[in-house]
N, C-alpha and C. Protein backbone atom coordinates (compact mmCIF):
# COMPACT_ATOMS: atom_id res chain seq x y z
N MET A 1 -6.40 44.36 -58.44
CA MET A 1 -5.87 43.44 -59.57
C MET A 1 -6.81 42.96 -60.46
N ASN A 2 -6.59 42.21 -61.34
CA ASN A 2 -7.48 41.34 -62.18
C ASN A 2 -8.39 40.48 -61.26
N GLU A 3 -9.87 40.89 -61.57
CA GLU A 3 -10.89 40.64 -60.56
C GLU A 3 -11.13 38.97 -60.59
N ASN A 4 -10.60 37.97 -61.25
CA ASN A 4 -10.69 36.86 -61.24
C ASN A 4 -9.34 36.29 -62.36
N PRO A 5 -8.63 36.07 -61.31
CA PRO A 5 -7.65 35.92 -61.77
C PRO A 5 -7.17 34.61 -61.81
N PHE A 6 -5.80 33.64 -62.79
CA PHE A 6 -6.05 32.56 -62.82
C PHE A 6 -4.66 32.11 -62.90
N VAL A 7 -3.90 31.68 -61.21
CA VAL A 7 -3.12 31.29 -61.50
C VAL A 7 -2.65 29.78 -61.54
N GLY A 8 -1.42 29.69 -61.76
CA GLY A 8 -0.74 28.39 -62.07
C GLY A 8 0.33 28.10 -61.60
N LEU A 9 0.51 27.33 -60.69
CA LEU A 9 1.95 26.81 -59.87
C LEU A 9 2.07 25.40 -60.46
N ALA A 10 3.15 26.07 -61.26
CA ALA A 10 4.05 24.76 -62.10
C ALA A 10 5.59 24.39 -60.92
N GLY A 11 6.11 22.73 -61.06
CA GLY A 11 7.07 22.67 -60.52
C GLY A 11 7.31 21.41 -60.62
N ASN A 12 8.48 20.72 -60.08
CA ASN A 12 8.73 19.46 -60.04
C ASN A 12 8.03 18.84 -58.58
N ILE A 13 8.63 17.34 -58.61
CA ILE A 13 8.13 16.30 -57.80
C ILE A 13 8.32 16.63 -56.57
N GLY A 14 7.67 17.35 -55.63
CA GLY A 14 8.08 17.13 -54.56
C GLY A 14 8.91 19.27 -53.90
N VAL A 15 8.79 20.07 -55.22
CA VAL A 15 8.97 21.58 -55.21
C VAL A 15 8.47 22.16 -54.05
N GLY A 16 7.07 21.52 -53.35
CA GLY A 16 6.15 22.28 -52.64
C GLY A 16 5.31 23.50 -53.20
N LYS A 17 4.74 22.53 -54.07
CA LYS A 17 3.57 23.54 -54.80
C LYS A 17 2.38 23.20 -54.34
N THR A 18 2.13 21.81 -53.06
CA THR A 18 0.50 22.11 -52.78
C THR A 18 0.39 23.17 -51.59
N THR A 19 2.23 23.00 -51.31
CA THR A 19 1.87 24.31 -49.79
C THR A 19 1.91 25.76 -49.98
N PHE A 20 2.57 25.92 -51.47
CA PHE A 20 2.30 26.85 -52.19
C PHE A 20 1.10 27.64 -52.44
N THR A 21 0.48 26.93 -53.12
CA THR A 21 -1.30 26.85 -53.31
C THR A 21 -2.27 27.42 -52.30
N GLU A 22 -1.84 26.73 -50.90
CA GLU A 22 -2.77 26.14 -49.92
C GLU A 22 -2.12 28.10 -48.92
N LYS A 23 -1.18 28.37 -49.37
CA LYS A 23 -0.83 29.65 -48.61
C LYS A 23 -1.04 31.15 -49.79
N MET A 24 -0.72 30.44 -50.88
CA MET A 24 -1.52 31.49 -51.91
C MET A 24 -3.27 32.00 -51.87
N ALA A 25 -3.98 30.97 -51.87
CA ALA A 25 -4.90 30.92 -51.48
C ALA A 25 -5.32 31.49 -50.81
N GLU A 26 -4.80 30.90 -49.42
CA GLU A 26 -5.78 31.53 -48.16
C GLU A 26 -4.86 33.16 -48.13
N ALA A 27 -3.69 33.62 -48.29
CA ALA A 27 -3.40 34.75 -48.30
C ALA A 27 -4.14 36.18 -49.36
N PHE A 28 -4.55 35.41 -50.57
CA PHE A 28 -5.58 36.29 -51.54
C PHE A 28 -7.13 35.83 -51.48
N GLY A 29 -7.16 35.31 -50.83
CA GLY A 29 -8.91 34.65 -50.56
C GLY A 29 -9.64 34.40 -51.58
N TRP A 30 -8.23 33.07 -52.36
CA TRP A 30 -8.64 32.72 -54.51
C TRP A 30 -9.31 31.35 -53.19
N SER A 31 -9.84 30.47 -54.97
CA SER A 31 -10.04 29.05 -54.26
C SER A 31 -8.89 28.37 -55.00
N PRO A 32 -8.52 27.20 -54.02
CA PRO A 32 -7.75 26.16 -54.31
C PRO A 32 -7.89 25.27 -55.05
N PHE A 33 -7.19 24.64 -55.90
CA PHE A 33 -7.67 23.59 -56.61
C PHE A 33 -6.19 22.65 -56.98
N TYR A 34 -5.98 21.91 -56.31
CA TYR A 34 -5.30 20.39 -56.25
C TYR A 34 -5.09 19.44 -56.68
N GLU A 35 -3.87 18.76 -56.99
CA GLU A 35 -3.96 18.04 -57.83
C GLU A 35 -4.04 17.05 -57.19
N SER A 36 -4.72 15.53 -58.00
CA SER A 36 -5.26 14.08 -57.71
C SER A 36 -4.04 13.13 -57.43
N VAL A 37 -3.85 13.16 -56.46
CA VAL A 37 -1.83 12.15 -55.72
C VAL A 37 -2.79 11.40 -54.95
N ALA A 38 -3.38 11.41 -53.82
CA ALA A 38 -4.23 10.13 -52.82
C ALA A 38 -4.61 8.97 -53.20
N ASP A 39 -6.24 9.91 -54.51
CA ASP A 39 -6.84 9.24 -54.59
C ASP A 39 -6.55 8.19 -56.30
N ASN A 40 -5.54 9.13 -56.65
CA ASN A 40 -4.94 8.51 -57.94
C ASN A 40 -4.50 6.76 -57.64
N PRO A 41 -5.51 6.43 -58.71
CA PRO A 41 -5.45 4.85 -58.32
C PRO A 41 -4.02 4.31 -59.57
N TYR A 42 -3.74 4.99 -60.01
CA TYR A 42 -2.34 4.80 -60.65
C TYR A 42 -0.77 4.63 -60.35
N LEU A 43 -0.57 5.36 -59.73
CA LEU A 43 0.64 6.25 -59.03
C LEU A 43 1.13 5.16 -58.76
N SER A 44 1.17 4.33 -58.27
CA SER A 44 1.95 3.20 -57.19
C SER A 44 2.26 2.17 -58.38
N ASP A 45 1.47 2.06 -58.88
CA ASP A 45 1.76 0.76 -60.41
C ASP A 45 2.83 1.55 -61.13
N PHE A 46 2.73 2.87 -61.29
CA PHE A 46 3.50 3.45 -62.52
C PHE A 46 4.54 3.72 -61.89
N TYR A 47 5.07 3.79 -59.97
CA TYR A 47 6.33 3.87 -60.11
C TYR A 47 7.24 2.66 -59.50
N GLY A 48 6.20 2.04 -60.04
CA GLY A 48 6.65 0.33 -60.17
C GLY A 48 6.95 0.02 -61.08
N ASP A 49 6.42 0.41 -62.52
CA ASP A 49 6.73 0.05 -63.96
C ASP A 49 6.04 0.86 -65.05
N MET A 50 7.25 1.62 -65.02
CA MET A 50 6.78 3.33 -65.46
C MET A 50 6.25 2.60 -66.98
N LYS A 51 7.23 1.87 -67.84
CA LYS A 51 6.59 1.81 -69.31
C LYS A 51 4.94 1.15 -69.20
N ARG A 52 4.80 -0.24 -68.73
CA ARG A 52 3.83 -0.40 -68.34
C ARG A 52 2.23 0.58 -68.10
N TRP A 53 2.51 1.27 -66.96
CA TRP A 53 0.99 2.03 -66.84
C TRP A 53 1.54 4.34 -67.05
N SER A 54 2.58 4.25 -68.02
CA SER A 54 2.92 5.14 -68.03
C SER A 54 1.35 6.40 -68.49
N PHE A 55 0.98 5.88 -70.18
CA PHE A 55 -0.10 5.70 -70.57
C PHE A 55 -1.60 6.48 -69.84
N ASN A 56 -1.50 5.53 -69.18
CA ASN A 56 -2.87 5.56 -67.85
C ASN A 56 -2.67 6.28 -67.51
N LEU A 57 -1.66 6.60 -66.23
CA LEU A 57 -1.66 7.25 -65.39
C LEU A 57 -1.98 9.01 -66.68
N GLN A 58 -1.42 9.17 -66.88
CA GLN A 58 -0.62 10.55 -68.07
C GLN A 58 -2.72 10.50 -68.59
N ILE A 59 -3.22 10.24 -69.12
CA ILE A 59 -4.59 10.23 -69.49
C ILE A 59 -5.52 10.39 -67.91
N TYR A 60 -5.73 9.83 -66.67
CA TYR A 60 -6.39 10.12 -65.45
C TYR A 60 -5.55 11.17 -65.23
N PHE A 61 -4.62 12.45 -65.65
CA PHE A 61 -4.07 13.08 -64.63
C PHE A 61 -4.92 14.33 -65.98
N LEU A 62 -4.56 13.77 -67.30
CA LEU A 62 -5.34 14.67 -67.99
C LEU A 62 -6.78 15.24 -67.86
N HIS A 63 -7.72 13.87 -67.78
CA HIS A 63 -8.86 14.28 -67.62
C HIS A 63 -9.30 14.85 -66.19
N HIS A 64 -7.98 14.98 -65.13
CA HIS A 64 -8.77 14.81 -63.82
C HIS A 64 -8.55 16.85 -63.97
N ARG A 65 -7.45 16.91 -65.01
CA ARG A 65 -6.95 18.33 -64.70
C ARG A 65 -7.93 19.38 -65.52
N PHE A 66 -8.58 18.56 -66.87
CA PHE A 66 -9.25 19.24 -67.43
C PHE A 66 -10.84 19.54 -66.33
N LYS A 67 -10.94 18.35 -66.17
CA LYS A 67 -12.11 18.94 -65.22
C LYS A 67 -12.11 19.61 -64.31
N ALA A 68 -11.29 19.91 -63.28
CA ALA A 68 -10.82 20.97 -62.06
C ALA A 68 -10.85 22.08 -62.81
N GLN A 69 -10.66 22.28 -63.97
CA GLN A 69 -10.44 24.01 -64.99
C GLN A 69 -11.90 24.63 -65.91
N LYS A 70 -12.28 23.26 -66.26
CA LYS A 70 -14.00 23.28 -66.58
C LYS A 70 -14.35 23.96 -65.02
N LYS A 71 -14.46 23.24 -63.91
CA LYS A 71 -15.03 23.87 -62.76
C LYS A 71 -14.31 25.35 -62.11
N MET A 72 -13.32 25.99 -62.66
CA MET A 72 -12.70 27.28 -62.31
C MET A 72 -12.92 28.23 -63.12
N SER A 73 -13.61 27.76 -64.62
CA SER A 73 -13.99 28.38 -65.23
C SER A 73 -15.30 29.47 -65.25
N SER A 74 -15.96 28.11 -64.55
CA SER A 74 -17.53 28.83 -63.71
C SER A 74 -17.15 29.30 -62.44
N LEU A 75 -16.62 29.95 -62.07
CA LEU A 75 -16.24 30.51 -60.78
C LEU A 75 -15.73 31.77 -60.46
N ASN A 76 -16.44 32.65 -59.71
CA ASN A 76 -15.82 34.52 -59.84
C ASN A 76 -15.16 34.18 -58.20
N GLY A 77 -14.24 35.11 -58.67
CA GLY A 77 -13.29 35.30 -57.58
C GLY A 77 -11.93 34.37 -57.93
N GLY A 78 -10.41 35.04 -57.44
CA GLY A 78 -9.44 34.15 -58.21
C GLY A 78 -9.25 32.37 -57.84
N VAL A 79 -8.03 31.73 -58.53
CA VAL A 79 -8.23 30.40 -58.13
C VAL A 79 -7.04 30.48 -58.40
N VAL A 80 -6.34 29.51 -57.51
CA VAL A 80 -4.58 29.54 -58.31
C VAL A 80 -4.52 27.46 -58.28
N GLN A 81 -3.99 26.60 -59.01
CA GLN A 81 -3.63 25.33 -59.62
C GLN A 81 -3.32 24.73 -59.31
N ASP A 82 -2.66 23.88 -58.30
CA ASP A 82 -1.61 23.04 -58.52
C ASP A 82 -0.86 22.19 -59.18
N ARG A 83 -0.49 22.54 -59.97
CA ARG A 83 0.12 22.36 -61.29
C ARG A 83 -1.12 22.53 -62.48
N THR A 84 -0.16 22.76 -63.52
CA THR A 84 -1.09 22.99 -65.16
C THR A 84 -1.10 21.94 -65.54
N ILE A 85 -2.14 22.61 -66.55
CA ILE A 85 -2.49 20.93 -67.30
C ILE A 85 -1.58 20.93 -68.32
N TYR A 86 -0.64 22.00 -68.89
CA TYR A 86 0.37 22.27 -69.84
C TYR A 86 1.53 20.99 -69.65
N GLU A 87 1.78 20.88 -68.15
CA GLU A 87 3.11 20.58 -68.13
C GLU A 87 2.75 19.31 -68.08
N ASP A 88 1.56 18.22 -68.03
CA ASP A 88 1.17 16.94 -68.60
C ASP A 88 1.93 16.82 -69.51
N VAL A 89 1.40 17.53 -70.53
CA VAL A 89 1.84 16.90 -71.92
C VAL A 89 3.37 17.62 -72.00
N GLU A 90 3.37 18.61 -71.78
CA GLU A 90 5.04 19.18 -71.56
C GLU A 90 6.14 18.41 -70.98
N ILE A 91 5.48 18.32 -69.96
CA ILE A 91 6.87 17.57 -68.38
C ILE A 91 6.94 16.34 -69.09
N PHE A 92 5.81 15.81 -68.79
CA PHE A 92 5.44 14.03 -67.94
C PHE A 92 5.40 13.49 -68.73
N ALA A 93 4.30 13.18 -69.58
CA ALA A 93 4.88 12.59 -71.01
C ALA A 93 5.50 12.78 -71.75
N ARG A 94 5.65 13.89 -72.30
CA ARG A 94 6.99 14.08 -73.19
C ARG A 94 8.04 13.69 -73.33
N ASN A 95 8.69 13.49 -71.79
CA ASN A 95 9.77 13.62 -71.15
C ASN A 95 9.89 11.36 -71.07
N LEU A 96 8.69 10.87 -70.67
CA LEU A 96 8.16 9.47 -70.63
C LEU A 96 8.33 8.99 -72.33
N HIS A 97 7.90 9.74 -73.02
CA HIS A 97 8.05 9.37 -74.73
C HIS A 97 9.45 9.60 -74.76
N GLU A 98 9.88 10.99 -74.81
CA GLU A 98 11.50 10.81 -74.90
C GLU A 98 12.60 9.48 -73.98
N MET A 99 12.32 9.13 -73.13
CA MET A 99 13.03 7.93 -72.18
C MET A 99 12.23 6.96 -72.75
N GLY A 100 11.78 6.33 -73.34
CA GLY A 100 11.21 5.12 -74.33
C GLY A 100 10.83 4.09 -73.15
N ARG A 101 9.92 4.97 -71.90
CA ARG A 101 8.79 4.44 -71.35
C ARG A 101 7.03 4.86 -71.94
N MET A 102 7.05 5.89 -72.98
CA MET A 102 5.79 5.43 -73.45
C MET A 102 5.92 5.50 -75.49
N ASP A 103 5.30 4.93 -75.72
CA ASP A 103 5.34 4.40 -77.45
C ASP A 103 5.05 5.28 -77.90
N ASP A 104 5.70 5.75 -79.48
CA ASP A 104 5.29 6.52 -80.66
C ASP A 104 3.46 7.14 -80.72
N ARG A 105 2.75 5.72 -80.64
CA ARG A 105 1.08 5.18 -80.55
C ARG A 105 0.97 5.76 -79.77
N ASP A 106 1.45 5.63 -78.11
CA ASP A 106 0.20 6.44 -76.79
C ASP A 106 0.38 7.55 -76.86
N TRP A 107 2.23 8.43 -77.07
CA TRP A 107 2.26 9.68 -77.50
C TRP A 107 1.93 10.21 -77.82
N LYS A 108 1.16 9.84 -79.32
CA LYS A 108 0.22 10.50 -80.31
C LYS A 108 -0.54 10.69 -80.12
N ASN A 109 -1.26 9.65 -79.82
CA ASN A 109 -2.92 9.44 -79.39
C ASN A 109 -2.92 10.99 -78.15
N TYR A 110 -1.74 10.25 -77.09
CA TYR A 110 -2.50 11.25 -75.70
C TYR A 110 -2.21 12.89 -76.29
N HIS A 111 -1.17 13.37 -76.98
CA HIS A 111 -0.63 14.51 -77.55
C HIS A 111 -2.33 15.13 -78.46
N ASN A 112 -2.53 14.42 -79.34
CA ASN A 112 -3.18 14.82 -80.33
C ASN A 112 -5.11 15.14 -79.33
N LEU A 113 -5.46 14.45 -77.82
CA LEU A 113 -6.36 14.26 -77.15
C LEU A 113 -6.14 15.69 -76.38
N PHE A 114 -4.92 15.30 -75.48
CA PHE A 114 -4.14 16.68 -75.19
C PHE A 114 -5.02 18.24 -76.23
N ASN A 115 -4.39 18.59 -77.04
CA ASN A 115 -4.15 19.49 -77.81
C ASN A 115 -5.83 19.65 -77.84
N ILE A 116 -7.26 19.49 -78.83
CA ILE A 116 -8.11 19.05 -78.79
C ILE A 116 -8.50 19.90 -77.09
N MET A 117 -8.73 18.82 -76.30
CA MET A 117 -9.24 19.15 -74.87
C MET A 117 -8.02 20.61 -74.42
N THR A 118 -7.27 20.87 -74.92
CA THR A 118 -7.50 22.52 -74.20
C THR A 118 -7.45 23.38 -74.80
N ASP A 119 -7.69 23.37 -76.22
CA ASP A 119 -8.55 24.30 -77.23
C ASP A 119 -9.87 24.90 -76.75
N TYR A 120 -10.48 23.85 -75.14
CA TYR A 120 -11.93 25.24 -74.41
C TYR A 120 -11.31 25.41 -73.24
N LEU A 121 -10.57 25.73 -73.08
CA LEU A 121 -9.51 25.62 -71.96
C LEU A 121 -8.90 27.50 -72.30
N LYS A 122 -8.80 27.93 -70.74
CA LYS A 122 -8.65 29.39 -70.57
C LYS A 122 -7.24 29.60 -69.74
N LYS A 123 -6.47 29.91 -70.15
CA LYS A 123 -4.79 29.95 -70.02
C LYS A 123 -5.26 30.53 -68.98
N PRO A 124 -3.72 30.19 -68.15
CA PRO A 124 -3.55 31.20 -66.66
C PRO A 124 -3.93 32.81 -66.92
N ASP A 125 -3.50 33.50 -66.13
CA ASP A 125 -3.04 34.60 -66.28
C ASP A 125 -1.65 34.70 -66.52
N LEU A 126 -1.28 34.05 -64.97
CA LEU A 126 0.14 33.72 -64.76
C LEU A 126 0.28 31.90 -64.33
N ILE A 127 1.96 32.31 -64.60
CA ILE A 127 2.24 30.61 -64.48
C ILE A 127 3.94 30.85 -63.11
N ILE A 128 3.43 30.15 -61.89
CA ILE A 128 4.42 30.21 -61.04
C ILE A 128 5.63 28.97 -61.17
N TYR A 129 6.42 29.23 -61.77
CA TYR A 129 7.49 27.85 -61.49
C TYR A 129 8.21 28.09 -59.82
N LEU A 130 7.71 26.87 -59.80
CA LEU A 130 8.88 26.91 -58.33
C LEU A 130 9.56 25.81 -58.66
N LYS A 131 11.21 26.39 -58.53
CA LYS A 131 12.63 25.41 -58.74
C LYS A 131 12.85 25.18 -57.44
N ALA A 132 13.74 24.00 -58.52
CA ALA A 132 14.60 23.54 -56.88
C ALA A 132 15.77 22.05 -57.72
N SER A 133 16.47 22.26 -56.65
CA SER A 133 17.33 21.27 -57.62
C SER A 133 17.11 19.93 -57.34
N THR A 134 17.59 18.97 -57.90
CA THR A 134 17.41 17.37 -58.13
C THR A 134 17.74 17.27 -56.46
N ASP A 135 18.65 17.72 -55.27
CA ASP A 135 18.85 17.37 -54.30
C ASP A 135 17.85 17.28 -53.59
N ILE A 136 17.62 18.65 -53.94
CA ILE A 136 16.80 19.14 -52.62
C ILE A 136 15.10 18.71 -52.36
N LEU A 137 15.22 18.65 -54.23
CA LEU A 137 13.50 17.25 -54.50
C LEU A 137 14.05 16.00 -53.79
N GLN A 138 14.74 15.47 -54.03
CA GLN A 138 15.24 13.79 -53.16
C GLN A 138 15.14 14.48 -51.79
N THR A 139 15.43 15.28 -50.88
CA THR A 139 15.34 15.87 -49.49
C THR A 139 13.81 15.86 -49.67
N ARG A 140 12.89 16.70 -49.98
CA ARG A 140 11.39 16.76 -49.51
C ARG A 140 11.46 15.59 -49.72
N ILE A 141 11.05 14.87 -50.94
CA ILE A 141 10.63 13.90 -51.14
C ILE A 141 10.25 12.58 -49.77
N HIS A 142 11.31 12.08 -49.56
CA HIS A 142 11.91 11.83 -48.66
C HIS A 142 11.43 12.05 -47.29
N PHE A 143 11.64 13.52 -46.86
CA PHE A 143 11.01 13.75 -45.57
C PHE A 143 9.12 14.19 -45.65
N ARG A 144 8.48 14.19 -47.20
CA ARG A 144 7.45 13.81 -46.94
C ARG A 144 6.82 12.43 -46.49
N GLY A 145 7.77 10.94 -46.73
CA GLY A 145 6.97 9.60 -46.38
C GLY A 145 6.01 9.11 -47.53
N ARG A 146 6.25 10.09 -49.07
CA ARG A 146 5.00 8.45 -49.00
C ARG A 146 5.57 7.55 -50.05
N ASP A 147 4.88 6.21 -49.47
CA ASP A 147 5.21 5.11 -49.96
C ASP A 147 5.12 5.06 -50.78
N TYR A 148 4.67 5.48 -51.89
CA TYR A 148 4.89 5.09 -53.40
C TYR A 148 5.79 5.96 -54.75
N GLU A 149 6.70 6.82 -53.52
CA GLU A 149 7.54 7.39 -54.66
C GLU A 149 8.90 7.32 -53.12
N SER A 150 9.09 6.12 -53.08
CA SER A 150 10.31 5.99 -52.59
C SER A 150 11.17 5.68 -53.67
N SER A 151 10.30 4.75 -54.70
CA SER A 151 11.39 4.06 -55.92
C SER A 151 11.79 4.94 -57.02
N ILE A 152 10.76 6.71 -56.90
CA ILE A 152 11.81 7.58 -57.61
C ILE A 152 13.11 7.34 -57.81
N ASP A 153 13.32 7.16 -58.96
CA ASP A 153 14.64 7.23 -59.21
C ASP A 153 15.09 8.77 -59.60
N PRO A 154 16.12 8.83 -59.10
CA PRO A 154 17.14 10.45 -59.28
C PRO A 154 17.00 10.71 -60.76
N GLU A 155 17.83 10.07 -61.37
CA GLU A 155 17.86 10.81 -62.95
C GLU A 155 16.72 11.08 -63.65
N TYR A 156 15.36 10.71 -62.66
CA TYR A 156 13.70 10.79 -63.80
C TYR A 156 13.59 12.44 -63.29
N LEU A 157 14.25 12.80 -61.77
CA LEU A 157 13.59 13.58 -61.31
C LEU A 157 14.68 14.64 -62.36
N HIS A 158 15.83 14.32 -62.53
CA HIS A 158 16.76 15.42 -63.04
C HIS A 158 16.40 15.51 -64.28
N GLN A 159 15.98 14.24 -65.65
CA GLN A 159 15.06 14.80 -66.56
C GLN A 159 14.13 16.03 -66.41
N LEU A 160 13.85 15.51 -65.18
CA LEU A 160 12.28 16.43 -65.32
C LEU A 160 12.12 17.70 -64.79
N ASN A 161 13.93 17.81 -64.30
CA ASN A 161 14.39 19.19 -64.19
C ASN A 161 14.37 19.92 -65.49
N ILE A 162 15.18 19.34 -66.24
CA ILE A 162 15.70 19.77 -68.05
C ILE A 162 14.28 19.95 -68.55
N ALA A 163 13.78 19.20 -68.65
CA ALA A 163 12.49 19.11 -69.46
C ALA A 163 11.20 20.63 -68.85
N TYR A 164 11.39 20.80 -67.66
CA TYR A 164 10.62 21.94 -66.67
C TYR A 164 11.72 23.73 -67.28
N ASP A 165 12.66 24.00 -67.19
CA ASP A 165 13.83 24.85 -67.66
C ASP A 165 13.33 24.92 -69.32
N ARG A 166 13.76 24.08 -69.96
CA ARG A 166 13.22 24.19 -71.35
C ARG A 166 12.22 24.27 -71.71
N TRP A 167 10.71 23.75 -70.63
CA TRP A 167 9.27 24.19 -71.36
C TRP A 167 9.47 25.83 -70.76
N ILE A 168 9.18 26.01 -69.89
CA ILE A 168 9.67 27.89 -69.07
C ILE A 168 10.28 28.58 -70.04
N LYS A 169 11.39 28.39 -70.56
CA LYS A 169 12.41 29.30 -71.65
C LYS A 169 11.43 29.41 -72.61
N ASP A 170 10.67 28.23 -73.05
CA ASP A 170 9.66 28.62 -74.54
C ASP A 170 8.30 29.19 -74.22
N ILE A 171 8.08 29.05 -72.80
CA ILE A 171 6.27 29.97 -73.09
C ILE A 171 6.75 31.51 -73.66
N LYS A 172 6.08 32.12 -74.56
CA LYS A 172 5.99 33.29 -74.49
C LYS A 172 4.38 34.05 -74.66
N GLU A 173 3.48 33.49 -74.59
CA GLU A 173 2.03 33.79 -74.24
C GLU A 173 1.13 34.39 -72.66
N ILE A 174 2.46 33.08 -71.94
CA ILE A 174 1.92 33.38 -70.70
C ILE A 174 2.49 33.92 -69.71
N PRO A 175 2.64 34.91 -68.84
CA PRO A 175 3.80 35.51 -68.01
C PRO A 175 4.03 34.41 -67.02
N VAL A 176 5.11 34.35 -67.08
CA VAL A 176 5.93 33.66 -65.97
C VAL A 176 6.60 34.14 -64.67
N LEU A 177 6.35 34.13 -63.61
CA LEU A 177 7.45 34.02 -62.59
C LEU A 177 8.10 32.90 -61.61
N ILE A 178 9.29 33.14 -61.96
CA ILE A 178 10.62 31.75 -61.37
C ILE A 178 10.81 32.52 -60.23
N VAL A 179 10.77 31.37 -58.96
CA VAL A 179 10.52 31.04 -57.69
C VAL A 179 11.93 30.29 -57.67
N GLU A 180 12.54 30.92 -57.02
CA GLU A 180 14.13 29.62 -57.07
C GLU A 180 13.76 29.40 -55.22
N THR A 181 13.72 28.16 -54.85
CA THR A 181 13.27 27.23 -53.20
C THR A 181 14.30 26.77 -52.64
N ASP A 182 15.57 26.20 -53.40
CA ASP A 182 16.36 25.47 -52.62
C ASP A 182 16.21 26.27 -51.49
N GLN A 183 16.28 27.52 -51.17
CA GLN A 183 16.94 28.50 -49.82
C GLN A 183 15.88 28.63 -49.35
N PHE A 184 15.03 28.33 -49.10
CA PHE A 184 13.41 29.34 -49.42
C PHE A 184 12.14 27.98 -48.50
N ASN A 185 12.55 28.51 -47.14
CA ASN A 185 11.07 27.57 -46.70
C ASN A 185 9.34 28.32 -46.55
N ILE A 186 8.57 27.80 -46.68
CA ILE A 186 7.45 29.10 -47.15
C ILE A 186 7.13 29.17 -45.75
N PHE A 187 6.99 28.33 -44.44
CA PHE A 187 7.02 28.47 -43.34
C PHE A 187 7.70 29.06 -42.45
N GLU A 188 8.60 29.58 -42.65
CA GLU A 188 9.66 30.85 -42.07
C GLU A 188 10.16 31.86 -42.80
N ASP A 189 10.27 32.02 -44.28
CA ASP A 189 10.93 32.64 -44.86
C ASP A 189 9.40 33.75 -45.33
N SER A 190 8.47 34.39 -44.23
CA SER A 190 7.76 35.30 -43.86
C SER A 190 7.71 36.37 -45.06
N LYS A 191 8.61 36.62 -44.92
CA LYS A 191 9.30 38.21 -45.81
C LYS A 191 9.38 37.80 -47.11
N GLN A 192 10.41 37.03 -47.55
CA GLN A 192 10.62 36.78 -49.15
C GLN A 192 9.09 36.22 -49.73
N PHE A 193 8.09 35.20 -48.44
CA PHE A 193 6.65 34.87 -49.58
C PHE A 193 5.70 36.30 -49.92
N THR A 194 5.84 37.28 -48.55
CA THR A 194 5.24 38.39 -49.31
C THR A 194 5.94 39.24 -50.16
N SER A 195 7.01 39.48 -50.38
CA SER A 195 7.52 39.89 -51.72
C SER A 195 7.00 39.48 -53.23
N ILE A 196 7.30 38.03 -52.94
CA ILE A 196 6.68 36.74 -53.81
C ILE A 196 4.98 37.03 -54.46
N LEU A 197 4.32 37.69 -53.21
CA LEU A 197 2.37 37.62 -53.16
C LEU A 197 2.90 38.96 -53.83
N GLU A 198 4.02 39.94 -53.80
CA GLU A 198 3.98 41.46 -54.39
C GLU A 198 3.80 41.32 -55.71
N ASP A 199 5.04 40.78 -56.30
CA ASP A 199 5.05 39.90 -57.53
C ASP A 199 4.07 39.54 -58.40
N VAL A 200 3.79 39.20 -57.87
CA VAL A 200 2.16 38.23 -58.51
C VAL A 200 0.91 39.69 -58.63
N LYS A 201 0.66 39.93 -57.56
CA LYS A 201 -0.33 41.28 -57.68
C LYS A 201 0.00 42.39 -59.02
N HIS A 202 1.81 42.36 -58.75
CA HIS A 202 2.10 43.12 -60.00
C HIS A 202 1.71 42.22 -61.32
N MET A 203 2.08 41.72 -61.31
CA MET A 203 2.49 40.82 -62.80
C MET A 203 0.45 40.37 -63.03
N ILE A 204 -0.16 40.21 -62.39
CA ILE A 204 -1.73 39.91 -63.30
C ILE A 204 -2.42 41.20 -62.94
N GLN A 205 -1.66 42.10 -62.67
CA GLN A 205 -2.96 43.60 -62.82
C GLN A 205 -3.77 43.99 -64.28
N SER A 206 -5.09 44.11 -64.12
CA SER A 206 -6.03 44.17 -65.26
C SER A 206 -4.64 45.31 -66.27
N PRO A 207 -5.12 45.00 -67.57
CA PRO A 207 -4.91 46.13 -68.71
C PRO A 207 -5.61 47.56 -68.28
């Protein structure tokens, strides 16, 4: 394999990215980088009033992921990231703007900042898209029981799923592995997980 692979885990809220990141890092001996959720000071306010807090939340995620990627670039060995920086703009910020929950001024400001920051970053060698239906996402979100997620609108999750499918379809420069997770339990389906790991190794082979 590539000696220093960079794999990004992409997917909607509740799809299982954090667990997948942990298991993949353990299997390959890579360094995991997780999304800032528990210590995020804006999430609870955002789910209570998306229009008021959308810009603040997206800026927080953007700076946190930029900082993480700068750290990743200084490491030797493989890394796997729980949610890519590209999802911030192409999925979440864009969707908020399209839904009228981020105004034109904030969207333009955010988008320009994103473009400048990502010019300095290495692109992933592979993006793994964990895909799930809206109903399954709702079930998983309910099961993990985070208070601030209890008010997530199913329509919001559905719109994000549409945005993900559109974004994944348009990716040209980065290889993408799509994993359907509706019927996949990473704790029980070890044979399928091993097969996914083999696909990953194949897709990040050195040129």
